[in-house]
């Protein structure tokens, strides 16, 4: 049964000097000895404080939380990772609940749901509305309800991360993780957690409008390979509607005033044709993606079956090799004994 020695606590940081020491102490006092702080070149002494509190500190080569998460995987050998922010908003008391689905084998990726128990003032009303909208968009576009895809409290197996293609550099990393888990069939579970307000002296690195826009764009861009029918279909529908609206305008003008708008009519026709083509392309792409997923699933099942068979067959062979080696050693020993006599 896995235990806390098999877990790496991953904390991406950027200027978290006010809270990072407390966060590290909370986890080390509970027996989590492997703490990795991946720092984005802080200027307030975050790295020094983290090292003084017993954490292993690495400085990322680039910038942004997403880049920190990707680069941190080079330094992690433990089979399980518990990731959280260094702002002291997540509790160590929830760590066991986050890790239990991994230890039991039910899940490969766990998301902590902040909305299950949120302290008053932990999130502004604007951010709450934005989070709800983004989670709703995720359900609509990618077909899964993961409750809180922007949560920074995550637990995952190290091996599952090798199946994901991560490219986000900033706060879009949480969104990308959620989409990639759905795309690659990574077993994901949501766990209710307590989300607390940041200490007064701690300042957030989140910029709601800019980062919110990046997250929405990430959701849409990733639909290209996970839900191409939505990605291409949405543009196709808008183009078709625009063409129909322009065509209706041309028709009304002709019927009421006998005024012709040849150029607008041509544009309307092209918009409708373009929209219909995109819709058809979206349907075909969706079929290809569905077929690819089915083939990938079958290949994974085949690989797992072959692996199980290889493990089962290796035991008798290993036993035979061992018997042969033991027999050779006994023969050598008897010869040596005979030579000595």
C-alpha atoms as a PDB file:
ATOM      1  CA  UNK A   1       0.000   0.000   0.000  1.00  0.00           C
ATOM      2  CA  UNK A   2       1.492   3.382  -0.968  1.00  0.00           C
ATOM      3  CA  UNK A   3       2.256   5.852   1.783  1.00  0.00           C
ATOM      4  CA  UNK A   4       3.406   9.447   2.164  1.00  0.00           C
ATOM      5  CA  UNK A   5       6.983   8.609   1.263  1.00  0.00           C
ATOM      6  CA  UNK A   6       5.708   7.835  -2.250  1.00  0.00           C
ATOM      7  CA  UNK A   7       4.295  11.352  -2.642  1.00  0.00           C
ATOM      8  CA  UNK A   8       6.009  14.497  -3.908  1.00  0.00           C
ATOM      9  CA  UNK A   9       4.428  17.750  -2.756  1.00  0.00           C
ATOM     10  CA  UNK A  10       4.754  20.117  -5.729  1.00  0.00           C
ATOM     11  CA  UNK A  11       4.395  23.846  -5.050  1.00  0.00           C
ATOM     12  CA  UNK A  12       4.781  26.254  -8.012  1.00  0.00           C
ATOM     13  CA  UNK A  13       5.630  29.691  -6.599  1.00  0.00           C
ATOM     14  CA  UNK A  14       6.145  33.295  -7.578  1.00  0.00           C
ATOM     15  CA  UNK A  15       6.750  35.808  -4.786  1.00  0.00           C
ATOM     16  CA  UNK A  16       5.059  33.827  -2.011  1.00  0.00           C
ATOM     17  CA  UNK A  17       7.467  34.772   0.786  1.00  0.00           C
ATOM     18  CA  UNK A  18       4.642  35.597   3.210  1.00  0.00           C
ATOM     19  CA  UNK A  19       3.129  32.117   3.106  1.00  0.00           C
ATOM     20  CA  UNK A  20       5.507  29.535   1.629  1.00  0.00           C
ATOM     21  CA  UNK A  21       7.183  28.703   4.956  1.00  0.00           C
ATOM     22  CA  UNK A  22       3.842  27.967   6.608  1.00  0.00           C
ATOM     23  CA  UNK A  23       2.706  25.778   3.710  1.00  0.00           C
ATOM     24  CA  UNK A  24       5.899  23.704   3.749  1.00  0.00           C
ATOM     25  CA  UNK A  25       5.813  23.291   7.542  1.00  0.00           C
ATOM     26  CA  UNK A  26       2.179  22.160   7.426  1.00  0.00           C
ATOM     27  CA  UNK A  27       3.032  19.301   5.097  1.00  0.00           C
ATOM     28  CA  UNK A  28       6.361  18.232   6.572  1.00  0.00           C
ATOM     29  CA  UNK A  29       4.796  18.081  10.032  1.00  0.00           C
ATOM     30  CA  UNK A  30       2.252  15.631   8.639  1.00  0.00           C
ATOM     31  CA  UNK A  31       4.947  13.308   7.315  1.00  0.00           C
ATOM     32  CA  UNK A  32       5.286  14.573   3.736  1.00  0.00           C
ATOM     33  CA  UNK A  33       9.061  14.779   3.483  1.00  0.00           C
ATOM     34  CA  UNK A  34       9.377  15.177  -0.313  1.00  0.00           C
ATOM     35  CA  UNK A  35       8.530  18.831  -0.990  1.00  0.00           C
ATOM     36  CA  UNK A  36       9.529  20.406  -4.293  1.00  0.00           C
ATOM     37  CA  UNK A  37       9.184  24.155  -4.738  1.00  0.00           C
ATOM     38  CA  UNK A  38       9.304  25.144  -8.403  1.00  0.00           C
ATOM     39  CA  UNK A  39       9.983  28.851  -8.348  1.00  0.00           C
ATOM     40  CA  UNK A  40       9.374  31.332 -11.122  1.00  0.00           C
ATOM     41  CA  UNK A  41      12.367  33.526 -10.232  1.00  0.00           C
ATOM     42  CA  UNK A  42      10.830  35.215  -7.198  1.00  0.00           C
ATOM     43  CA  UNK A  43      12.352  38.490  -6.009  1.00  0.00           C
ATOM     44  CA  UNK A  44      11.022  38.515  -2.433  1.00  0.00           C
ATOM     45  CA  UNK A  45      13.105  35.727  -0.894  1.00  0.00           C
ATOM     46  CA  UNK A  46      10.644  32.890  -1.554  1.00  0.00           C
ATOM     47  CA  UNK A  47      13.389  30.457  -2.561  1.00  0.00           C
ATOM     48  CA  UNK A  48      15.533  31.133   0.490  1.00  0.00           C
ATOM     49  CA  UNK A  49      12.594  30.736   2.864  1.00  0.00           C
ATOM     50  CA  UNK A  50      11.510  27.507   1.175  1.00  0.00           C
ATOM     51  CA  UNK A  51      15.022  26.058   1.444  1.00  0.00           C
ATOM     52  CA  UNK A  52      15.274  27.072   5.107  1.00  0.00           C
ATOM     53  CA  UNK A  53      12.049  25.160   5.787  1.00  0.00           C
ATOM     54  CA  UNK A  54      13.422  21.980   4.268  1.00  0.00           C
ATOM     55  CA  UNK A  55      12.028  22.056   0.734  1.00  0.00           C
ATOM     56  CA  UNK A  56      13.952  21.155  -2.400  1.00  0.00           C
ATOM     57  CA  UNK A  57      13.989  24.302  -4.529  1.00  0.00           C
ATOM     58  CA  UNK A  58      14.355  24.516  -8.295  1.00  0.00           C
ATOM     59  CA  UNK A  59      14.156  27.636 -10.453  1.00  0.00           C
ATOM     60  CA  UNK A  60      12.191  27.215 -13.662  1.00  0.00           C
ATOM     61  CA  UNK A  61      13.902  28.188 -16.879  1.00  0.00           C
ATOM     62  CA  UNK A  62      10.885  30.106 -18.197  1.00  0.00           C
ATOM     63  CA  UNK A  63       7.919  31.887 -16.688  1.00  0.00           C
ATOM     64  CA  UNK A  64       4.314  31.046 -15.835  1.00  0.00           C
ATOM     65  CA  UNK A  65       2.658  28.360 -13.744  1.00  0.00           C
ATOM     66  CA  UNK A  66       2.117  26.051 -16.701  1.00  0.00           C
ATOM     67  CA  UNK A  67       5.777  26.075 -17.605  1.00  0.00           C
ATOM     68  CA  UNK A  68       6.656  25.431 -13.948  1.00  0.00           C
ATOM     69  CA  UNK A  69       4.402  22.359 -13.818  1.00  0.00           C
ATOM     70  CA  UNK A  70       5.822  20.903 -17.035  1.00  0.00           C
ATOM     71  CA  UNK A  71       9.428  21.473 -16.012  1.00  0.00           C
ATOM     72  CA  UNK A  72       8.899  20.143 -12.485  1.00  0.00           C
ATOM     73  CA  UNK A  73       8.247  16.654 -13.859  1.00  0.00           C
ATOM     74  CA  UNK A  74      11.970  16.364 -14.623  1.00  0.00           C
ATOM     75  CA  UNK A  75      12.722  16.512 -10.905  1.00  0.00           C
ATOM     76  CA  UNK A  76      10.038  14.133  -9.626  1.00  0.00           C
ATOM     77  CA  UNK A  77      10.735  10.422  -9.188  1.00  0.00           C
ATOM     78  CA  UNK A  78       7.926   9.617  -6.743  1.00  0.00           C
ATOM     79  CA  UNK A  79       4.925   7.761  -8.243  1.00  0.00           C
ATOM     80  CA  UNK A  80       2.391  10.243  -6.816  1.00  0.00           C
ATOM     81  CA  UNK A  81       2.271  14.032  -6.914  1.00  0.00           C
ATOM     82  CA  UNK A  82       0.173  16.388  -4.787  1.00  0.00           C
ATOM     83  CA  UNK A  83       0.204  19.870  -6.300  1.00  0.00           C
ATOM     84  CA  UNK A  84      -1.001  23.038  -4.602  1.00  0.00           C
ATOM     85  CA  UNK A  85      -0.392  26.770  -4.643  1.00  0.00           C
ATOM     86  CA  UNK A  86       1.987  28.374  -2.165  1.00  0.00           C
ATOM     87  CA  UNK A  87      -0.515  30.986  -0.970  1.00  0.00           C
ATOM     88  CA  UNK A  88      -1.779  29.051   2.083  1.00  0.00           C
ATOM     89  CA  UNK A  89      -5.338  28.729   0.772  1.00  0.00           C
ATOM     90  CA  UNK A  90      -5.359  24.912   0.706  1.00  0.00           C
ATOM     91  CA  UNK A  91      -5.260  22.727   3.820  1.00  0.00           C
ATOM     92  CA  UNK A  92      -2.982  19.826   4.570  1.00  0.00           C
ATOM     93  CA  UNK A  93      -5.969  18.174   6.277  1.00  0.00           C
ATOM     94  CA  UNK A  94      -7.435  17.522   2.820  1.00  0.00           C
ATOM     95  CA  UNK A  95      -4.286  15.822   1.517  1.00  0.00           C
ATOM     96  CA  UNK A  96      -5.285  12.287   2.509  1.00  0.00           C
ATOM     97  CA  UNK A  97      -8.689  12.669   0.841  1.00  0.00           C
ATOM     98  CA  UNK A  98      -6.963  13.906  -2.316  1.00  0.00           C
ATOM     99  CA  UNK A  99      -4.512  11.010  -2.375  1.00  0.00           C
ATOM    100  CA  UNK A 100      -6.884   8.191  -1.413  1.00  0.00           C
ATOM    101  CA  UNK A 101      -8.397   7.750  -4.925  1.00  0.00           C
ATOM    102  CA  UNK A 102      -4.847   7.381  -6.298  1.00  0.00           C
ATOM    103  CA  UNK A 103      -3.688   4.969  -3.628  1.00  0.00           C
ATOM    104  CA  UNK A 104      -6.777   2.799  -4.086  1.00  0.00           C
ATOM    105  CA  UNK A 105      -6.404   2.782  -7.887  1.00  0.00           C
ATOM    106  CA  UNK A 106      -9.803   4.382  -8.557  1.00  0.00           C
ATOM    107  CA  UNK A 107      -8.307   7.439 -10.213  1.00  0.00           C
ATOM    108  CA  UNK A 108      -5.159   8.723 -11.859  1.00  0.00           C
ATOM    109  CA  UNK A 109      -5.984  12.414 -11.469  1.00  0.00           C
ATOM    110  CA  UNK A 110      -7.846  14.123  -8.608  1.00  0.00           C
ATOM    111  CA  UNK A 111      -9.257  17.654  -8.534  1.00  0.00           C
ATOM    112  CA  UNK A 112     -10.060  19.450  -5.286  1.00  0.00           C
ATOM    113  CA  UNK A 113     -13.459  21.155  -5.491  1.00  0.00           C
ATOM    114  CA  UNK A 114     -13.083  24.561  -3.818  1.00  0.00           C
ATOM    115  CA  UNK A 115     -16.785  25.349  -4.080  1.00  0.00           C
ATOM    116  CA  UNK A 116     -17.663  22.469  -1.760  1.00  0.00           C
ATOM    117  CA  UNK A 117     -16.458  24.424   1.305  1.00  0.00           C
ATOM    118  CA  UNK A 118     -15.301  27.957   0.521  1.00  0.00           C
ATOM    119  CA  UNK A 119     -14.453  30.385   3.285  1.00  0.00           C
ATOM    120  CA  UNK A 120     -16.174  33.755   3.079  1.00  0.00           C
ATOM    121  CA  UNK A 121     -13.945  36.179   1.213  1.00  0.00           C
ATOM    122  CA  UNK A 122     -11.720  33.442  -0.234  1.00  0.00           C
ATOM    123  CA  UNK A 123     -12.843  34.336  -3.757  1.00  0.00           C
ATOM    124  CA  UNK A 124     -14.270  37.615  -5.041  1.00  0.00           C
ATOM    125  CA  UNK A 125     -17.746  37.645  -6.536  1.00  0.00           C
ATOM    126  CA  UNK A 126     -16.249  38.448  -9.935  1.00  0.00           C
ATOM    127  CA  UNK A 127     -13.959  35.440  -9.746  1.00  0.00           C
ATOM    128  CA  UNK A 128     -16.800  33.202  -8.594  1.00  0.00           C
ATOM    129  CA  UNK A 129     -18.926  34.238 -11.582  1.00  0.00           C
ATOM    130  CA  UNK A 130     -15.971  33.729 -13.919  1.00  0.00           C
ATOM    131  CA  UNK A 131     -15.252  30.286 -12.482  1.00  0.00           C
ATOM    132  CA  UNK A 132     -18.884  29.232 -12.859  1.00  0.00           C
ATOM    133  CA  UNK A 133     -18.948  30.405 -16.478  1.00  0.00           C
ATOM    134  CA  UNK A 134     -15.700  28.619 -17.310  1.00  0.00           C
ATOM    135  CA  UNK A 135     -16.837  25.392 -15.662  1.00  0.00           C
ATOM    136  CA  UNK A 136     -20.117  25.619 -17.554  1.00  0.00           C
ATOM    137  CA  UNK A 137     -18.253  26.166 -20.820  1.00  0.00           C
ATOM    138  CA  UNK A 138     -16.069  23.149 -20.063  1.00  0.00           C
ATOM    139  CA  UNK A 139     -19.129  20.953 -19.492  1.00  0.00           C
ATOM    140  CA  UNK A 140     -20.686  22.180 -22.714  1.00  0.00           C
ATOM    141  CA  UNK A 141     -17.597  21.906 -24.907  1.00  0.00           C
ATOM    142  CA  UNK A 142     -15.893  18.820 -23.491  1.00  0.00           C
ATOM    143  CA  UNK A 143     -18.841  16.880 -22.107  1.00  0.00           C
ATOM    144  CA  UNK A 144     -17.669  16.312 -18.515  1.00  0.00           C
ATOM    145  CA  UNK A 145     -18.657  17.900 -15.221  1.00  0.00           C
ATOM    146  CA  UNK A 146     -15.491  18.190 -13.143  1.00  0.00           C
ATOM    147  CA  UNK A 147     -16.976  20.819 -10.799  1.00  0.00           C
ATOM    148  CA  UNK A 148     -13.897  23.044 -10.488  1.00  0.00           C
ATOM    149  CA  UNK A 149     -11.426  22.724 -13.357  1.00  0.00           C
ATOM    150  CA  UNK A 150      -9.487  25.819 -12.223  1.00  0.00           C
ATOM    151  CA  UNK A 151      -8.641  24.390  -8.815  1.00  0.00           C
ATOM    152  CA  UNK A 152      -4.951  24.524  -7.954  1.00  0.00           C
ATOM    153  CA  UNK A 153      -5.195  21.578  -5.558  1.00  0.00           C
ATOM    154  CA  UNK A 154      -4.454  18.476  -7.643  1.00  0.00           C
ATOM    155  CA  UNK A 155      -3.210  14.965  -7.077  1.00  0.00           C
ATOM    156  CA  UNK A 156      -2.050  12.715  -9.891  1.00  0.00           C
ATOM    157  CA  UNK A 157       0.089   9.736 -10.710  1.00  0.00           C
ATOM    158  CA  UNK A 158       3.442  10.533 -12.222  1.00  0.00           C
ATOM    159  CA  UNK A 159       2.846   7.996 -14.997  1.00  0.00           C
ATOM    160  CA  UNK A 160      -0.457   9.586 -16.081  1.00  0.00           C
ATOM    161  CA  UNK A 161       1.304  12.881 -16.818  1.00  0.00           C
ATOM    162  CA  UNK A 162       3.395  11.185 -19.498  1.00  0.00           C
ATOM    163  CA  UNK A 163       0.192  10.619 -21.487  1.00  0.00           C
ATOM    164  CA  UNK A 164      -0.743  14.299 -21.545  1.00  0.00           C
ATOM    165  CA  UNK A 165       0.412  16.929 -24.025  1.00  0.00           C
ATOM    166  CA  UNK A 166       0.808  20.120 -21.997  1.00  0.00           C
ATOM    167  CA  UNK A 167       1.666  23.424 -23.648  1.00  0.00           C
ATOM    168  CA  UNK A 168       0.032  26.150 -21.527  1.00  0.00           C
ATOM    169  CA  UNK A 169       2.491  28.561 -19.939  1.00  0.00           C
ATOM    170  CA  UNK A 170       0.356  30.424 -17.401  1.00  0.00           C
ATOM    171  CA  UNK A 171      -2.867  29.877 -15.477  1.00  0.00           C
ATOM    172  CA  UNK A 172      -4.298  27.955 -18.421  1.00  0.00           C
ATOM    173  CA  UNK A 173      -2.465  24.870 -17.122  1.00  0.00           C
ATOM    174  CA  UNK A 174      -5.384  23.764 -14.907  1.00  0.00           C
ATOM    175  CA  UNK A 175      -7.750  23.987 -17.862  1.00  0.00           C
ATOM    176  CA  UNK A 176      -5.308  22.109 -20.069  1.00  0.00           C
ATOM    177  CA  UNK A 177      -4.911  19.371 -17.459  1.00  0.00           C
ATOM    178  CA  UNK A 178      -8.688  18.891 -17.282  1.00  0.00           C
ATOM    179  CA  UNK A 179      -9.110  18.792 -21.058  1.00  0.00           C
ATOM    180  CA  UNK A 180      -6.172  16.428 -21.563  1.00  0.00           C
ATOM    181  CA  UNK A 181      -7.525  14.058 -18.913  1.00  0.00           C
ATOM    182  CA  UNK A 182     -10.847  13.899 -20.757  1.00  0.00           C
ATOM    183  CA  UNK A 183      -9.144  13.586 -24.123  1.00  0.00           C
ATOM    184  CA  UNK A 184      -6.849  10.718 -23.108  1.00  0.00           C
ATOM    185  CA  UNK A 185      -9.289   8.900 -20.855  1.00  0.00           C
ATOM    186  CA  UNK A 186      -7.329   9.519 -17.651  1.00  0.00           C
ATOM    187  CA  UNK A 187      -9.514   8.381 -14.758  1.00  0.00           C
ATOM    188  CA  UNK A 188     -10.415  11.585 -12.920  1.00  0.00           C
ATOM    189  CA  UNK A 189     -12.177  12.064  -9.606  1.00  0.00           C
ATOM    190  CA  UNK A 190     -13.379  15.214  -7.826  1.00  0.00           C
ATOM    191  CA  UNK A 191     -12.900  15.548  -4.056  1.00  0.00           C
ATOM    192  CA  UNK A 192     -14.533  18.242  -1.884  1.00  0.00           C
ATOM    193  CA  UNK A 193     -11.975  20.423  -0.092  1.00  0.00           C
ATOM    194  CA  UNK A 194     -11.824  23.504   2.104  1.00  0.00           C
ATOM    195  CA  UNK A 195     -10.722  26.688   0.328  1.00  0.00           C
ATOM    196  CA  UNK A 196      -9.537  29.485   2.596  1.00  0.00           C
ATOM    197  CA  UNK A 197      -8.852  33.178   2.079  1.00  0.00           C
ATOM    198  CA  UNK A 198      -5.315  34.330   1.435  1.00  0.00           C
ATOM    199  CA  UNK A 199      -3.535  35.914   4.405  1.00  0.00           C
ATOM    200  CA  UNK A 200      -3.785  39.708   4.390  1.00  0.00           C
ATOM    201  CA  UNK A 201      -0.099  40.202   3.602  1.00  0.00           C
ATOM    202  CA  UNK A 202      -0.224  37.842   0.625  1.00  0.00           C
ATOM    203  CA  UNK A 203      -0.982  39.190  -2.844  1.00  0.00           C
ATOM    204  CA  UNK A 204      -2.463  37.189  -5.686  1.00  0.00           C
ATOM    205  CA  UNK A 205      -0.725  36.795  -9.054  1.00  0.00           C
ATOM    206  CA  UNK A 206      -4.060  36.266 -10.811  1.00  0.00           C
ATOM    207  CA  UNK A 207      -5.382  38.956 -13.161  1.00  0.00           C
ATOM    208  CA  UNK A 208      -9.061  38.056 -13.649  1.00  0.00           C
ATOM    209  CA  UNK A 209      -9.812  39.558 -17.065  1.00  0.00           C
ATOM    210  CA  UNK A 210      -6.555  38.739 -18.810  1.00  0.00           C
ATOM    211  CA  UNK A 211      -6.168  35.269 -17.308  1.00  0.00           C
ATOM    212  CA  UNK A 212      -9.873  34.560 -17.737  1.00  0.00           C
ATOM    213  CA  UNK A 213      -9.580  35.380 -21.415  1.00  0.00           C
ATOM    214  CA  UNK A 214      -6.578  33.065 -21.743  1.00  0.00           C
ATOM    215  CA  UNK A 215      -8.514  30.246 -20.065  1.00  0.00           C
ATOM    216  CA  UNK A 216     -11.548  30.662 -22.334  1.00  0.00           C
ATOM    217  CA  UNK A 217      -9.270  30.720 -25.383  1.00  0.00           C
ATOM    218  CA  UNK A 218      -7.520  27.582 -24.141  1.00  0.00           C
ATOM    219  CA  UNK A 219     -10.864  25.817 -23.743  1.00  0.00           C
ATOM    220  CA  UNK A 220     -11.865  26.703 -27.284  1.00  0.00           C
ATOM    221  CA  UNK A 221      -8.511  25.894 -28.900  1.00  0.00           C
ATOM    222  CA  UNK A 222      -8.331  22.482 -27.250  1.00  0.00           C
ATOM    223  CA  UNK A 223     -11.773  21.626 -28.591  1.00  0.00           C
ATOM    224  CA  UNK A 224     -10.092  21.271 -32.006  1.00  0.00           C
ATOM    225  CA  UNK A 225      -8.726  17.850 -31.080  1.00  0.00           C
ATOM    226  CA  UNK A 226     -11.150  16.839 -28.330  1.00  0.00           C
ATOM    227  CA  UNK A 227     -14.480  18.045 -29.748  1.00  0.00           C
ATOM    228  CA  UNK A 228     -13.919  19.084 -33.390  1.00  0.00           C
ATOM    229  CA  UNK A 229     -17.641  19.167 -34.085  1.00  0.00           C
ATOM    230  CA  UNK A 230     -17.988  22.058 -31.639  1.00  0.00           C
ATOM    231  CA  UNK A 231     -14.738  23.728 -32.761  1.00  0.00           C
ATOM    232  CA  UNK A 232     -15.559  23.797 -36.469  1.00  0.00           C
ATOM    233  CA  UNK A 233     -19.324  23.649 -36.084  1.00  0.00           C
ATOM    234  CA  UNK A 234     -19.546  26.788 -33.970  1.00  0.00           C
ATOM    235  CA  UNK A 235     -17.755  28.831 -36.630  1.00  0.00           C
ATOM    236  CA  UNK A 236     -19.800  27.125 -39.349  1.00  0.00           C
ATOM    237  CA  UNK A 237     -23.090  27.964 -37.637  1.00  0.00           C
ATOM    238  CA  UNK A 238     -22.076  31.605 -37.137  1.00  0.00           C
ATOM    239  CA  UNK A 239     -20.990  31.891 -40.757  1.00  0.00           C
ATOM    240  CA  UNK A 240     -24.212  30.297 -41.995  1.00  0.00           C
ATOM    241  CA  UNK A 241     -26.363  32.548 -39.808  1.00  0.00           C
ATOM    242  CA  UNK A 242     -24.502  35.612 -41.049  1.00  0.00           C
ATOM    243  CA  UNK A 243     -25.054  34.482 -44.632  1.00  0.00           C
ATOM    244  CA  UNK A 244     -28.754  33.873 -44.024  1.00  0.00           C
ATOM    245  CA  UNK A 245     -29.119  37.302 -42.381  1.00  0.00           C
ATOM    246  CA  UNK A 246     -27.409  39.026 -45.295  1.00  0.00           C
ATOM    247  CA  UNK A 247     -29.467  37.014 -47.775  1.00  0.00           C
ATOM    248  CA  UNK A 248     -32.663  37.962 -45.981  1.00  0.00           C
ATOM    249  CA  UNK A 249     -31.666  41.624 -46.115  1.00  0.00           C
ATOM    250  CA  UNK A 250     -31.009  41.395 -49.862  1.00  0.00           C
ATOM    251  CA  UNK A 251     -34.350  39.647 -50.436  1.00  0.00           C
ATOM    252  CA  UNK A 252     -36.318  42.184 -48.386  1.00  0.00           C
ATOM    253  CA  UNK A 253     -34.676  45.117 -50.174  1.00  0.00           C
ATOM    254  CA  UNK A 254     -35.486  43.572 -53.548  1.00  0.00           C
ATOM    255  CA  UNK A 255     -39.099  42.847 -52.664  1.00  0.00           C
ATOM    256  CA  UNK A 256     -39.820  46.228 -51.067  1.00  0.00           C
ATOM    257  CA  UNK A 257     -37.790  48.736 -53.077  1.00  0.00           C
ATOM    258  CA  UNK A 258     -36.602  46.679 -56.048  1.00  0.00           C
ATOM    259  CA  UNK A 259     -33.063  47.572 -55.034  1.00  0.00           C
ATOM    260  CA  UNK A 260     -30.493  44.927 -55.810  1.00  0.00           C
ATOM    261  CA  UNK A 261     -27.354  44.291 -53.791  1.00  0.00           C
ATOM    262  CA  UNK A 262     -25.344  41.912 -55.923  1.00  0.00           C
ATOM    263  CA  UNK A 263     -22.146  42.156 -53.891  1.00  0.00           C
ATOM    264  CA  UNK A 264     -23.942  41.521 -50.592  1.00  0.00           C
ATOM    265  CA  UNK A 265     -25.797  38.626 -52.183  1.00  0.00           C
ATOM    266  CA  UNK A 266     -22.529  37.040 -53.297  1.00  0.00           C
ATOM    267  CA  UNK A 267     -21.037  37.508 -49.825  1.00  0.00           C
ATOM    268  CA  UNK A 268     -24.132  35.937 -48.250  1.00  0.00           C
ATOM    269  CA  UNK A 269     -23.920  32.924 -50.552  1.00  0.00           C
ATOM    270  CA  UNK A 270     -20.223  32.454 -49.832  1.00  0.00           C
ATOM    271  CA  UNK A 271     -20.820  32.727 -46.079  1.00  0.00           C
ATOM    272  CA  UNK A 272     -23.515  30.041 -46.215  1.00  0.00           C
ATOM    273  CA  UNK A 273     -21.374  27.733 -48.349  1.00  0.00           C
ATOM    274  CA  UNK A 274     -18.383  28.255 -46.057  1.00  0.00           C
ATOM    275  CA  UNK A 275     -20.510  27.579 -42.986  1.00  0.00           C
ATOM    276  CA  UNK A 276     -21.980  24.382 -44.396  1.00  0.00           C
ATOM    277  CA  UNK A 277     -18.526  23.143 -45.395  1.00  0.00           C
ATOM    278  CA  UNK A 278     -17.212  23.775 -41.889  1.00  0.00           C
ATOM    279  CA  UNK A 279     -20.144  21.871 -40.406  1.00  0.00           C
ATOM    280  CA  UNK A 280     -19.469  18.912 -42.692  1.00  0.00           C
ATOM    281  CA  UNK A 281     -15.757  19.062 -41.855  1.00  0.00           C
ATOM    282  CA  UNK A 282     -16.621  19.145 -38.146  1.00  0.00           C
ATOM    283  CA  UNK A 283     -18.794  16.029 -38.457  1.00  0.00           C
ATOM    284  CA  UNK A 284     -16.083  14.146 -40.351  1.00  0.00           C
ATOM    285  CA  UNK A 285     -13.409  15.242 -37.868  1.00  0.00           C
ATOM    286  CA  UNK A 286     -15.595  14.119 -34.970  1.00  0.00           C
ATOM    287  CA  UNK A 287     -15.953  10.692 -36.558  1.00  0.00           C
ATOM    288  CA  UNK A 288     -12.163  10.442 -37.002  1.00  0.00           C
ATOM    289  CA  UNK A 289     -11.550  11.454 -33.383  1.00  0.00           C
ATOM    290  CA  UNK A 290     -14.097   8.891 -32.141  1.00  0.00           C
ATOM    291  CA  UNK A 291     -12.452   6.170 -34.261  1.00  0.00           C
ATOM    292  CA  UNK A 292      -8.994   7.146 -33.009  1.00  0.00           C
ATOM    293  CA  UNK A 293     -10.151   6.988 -29.395  1.00  0.00           C
ATOM    294  CA  UNK A 294     -11.603   3.542 -29.922  1.00  0.00           C
ATOM    295  CA  UNK A 295      -8.394   2.301 -31.553  1.00  0.00           C
ATOM    296  CA  UNK A 296      -6.290   3.846 -28.799  1.00  0.00           C
ATOM    297  CA  UNK A 297      -8.460   2.188 -26.150  1.00  0.00           C
ATOM    298  CA  UNK A 298      -8.094  -1.204 -27.824  1.00  0.00           C
ATOM    299  CA  UNK A 299      -4.333  -0.782 -28.185  1.00  0.00           C
ATOM    300  CA  UNK A 300      -4.038   0.118 -24.504  1.00  0.00           C
ATOM    301  CA  UNK A 301      -6.095  -2.923 -23.550  1.00  0.00           C
ATOM    302  CA  UNK A 302      -3.908  -5.107 -25.791  1.00  0.00           C
ATOM    303  CA  UNK A 303      -0.710  -3.640 -24.312  1.00  0.00           C
ATOM    304  CA  UNK A 304      -2.011  -4.228 -20.798  1.00  0.00           C
ATOM    305  CA  UNK A 305      -3.015  -7.797 -21.678  1.00  0.00           C
ATOM    306  CA  UNK A 306       0.412  -8.532 -23.160  1.00  0.00           C
ATOM    307  CA  UNK A 307       2.091  -7.000 -20.136  1.00  0.00           C
ATOM    308  CA  UNK A 308       0.033  -9.145 -17.771  1.00  0.00           C
ATOM    309  CA  UNK A 309       0.810 -12.250 -19.823  1.00  0.00           C
ATOM    310  CA  UNK A 310       4.510 -11.444 -19.855  1.00  0.00           C
ATOM    311  CA  UNK A 311       4.540 -11.022 -16.099  1.00  0.00           C
ATOM    312  CA  UNK A 312       2.665 -14.289 -15.631  1.00  0.00           C
ATOM    313  CA  UNK A 313       5.010 -16.201 -17.926  1.00  0.00           C
ATOM    314  CA  UNK A 314       8.154 -14.694 -16.457  1.00  0.00           C
ATOM    315  CA  UNK A 315       7.678 -16.365 -13.081  1.00  0.00           C
ATOM    316  CA  UNK A 316       8.196 -19.987 -14.248  1.00  0.00           C
ATOM    317  CA  UNK A 317      11.073 -18.930 -16.473  1.00  0.00           C
ATOM    318  CA  UNK A 318      12.757 -17.094 -13.670  1.00  0.00           C
ATOM    319  CA  UNK A 319      12.317 -20.174 -11.498  1.00  0.00           C
ATOM    320  CA  UNK A 320      13.900 -22.365 -14.204  1.00  0.00           C
ATOM    321  CA  UNK A 321      16.827 -19.962 -14.600  1.00  0.00           C
ATOM    322  CA  UNK A 322      17.310 -19.929 -10.878  1.00  0.00           C
ATOM    323  CA  UNK A 323      17.323 -23.747 -10.695  1.00  0.00           C
ATOM    324  CA  UNK A 324      19.823 -23.943 -13.532  1.00  0.00           C
ATOM    325  CA  UNK A 325      22.092 -21.381 -11.886  1.00  0.00           C
ATOM    326  CA  UNK A 326      21.888 -23.148  -8.528  1.00  0.00           C
ATOM    327  CA  UNK A 327      22.731 -26.481 -10.183  1.00  0.00           C
ATOM    328  CA  UNK A 328      25.781 -24.976 -11.860  1.00  0.00           C
ATOM    329  CA  UNK A 329      26.968 -23.502  -8.575  1.00  0.00           C
ATOM    330  CA  UNK A 330      26.540 -26.839  -6.799  1.00  0.00           C
ATOM    331  CA  UNK A 331      28.489 -28.627  -9.535  1.00  0.00           C
ATOM    332  CA  UNK A 332      31.320 -26.101  -9.288  1.00  0.00           C
ATOM    333  CA  UNK A 333      31.373 -26.386  -5.526  1.00  0.00           C
ATOM    334  CA  UNK A 334      31.571 -30.203  -5.665  1.00  0.00           C
ATOM    335  CA  UNK A 335      34.434 -30.030  -8.183  1.00  0.00           C
ATOM    336  CA  UNK A 336      36.305 -27.603  -5.996  1.00  0.00           C
ATOM    337  CA  UNK A 337      35.750 -29.876  -3.018  1.00  0.00           C
ATOM    338  CA  UNK A 338      37.053 -32.867  -4.995  1.00  0.00           C
ATOM    339  CA  UNK A 339      40.146 -30.969  -6.096  1.00  0.00           C
ATOM    340  CA  UNK A 340      40.827 -30.012  -2.513  1.00  0.00           C
ATOM    341  CA  UNK A 341      40.737 -33.641  -1.369  1.00  0.00           C
END
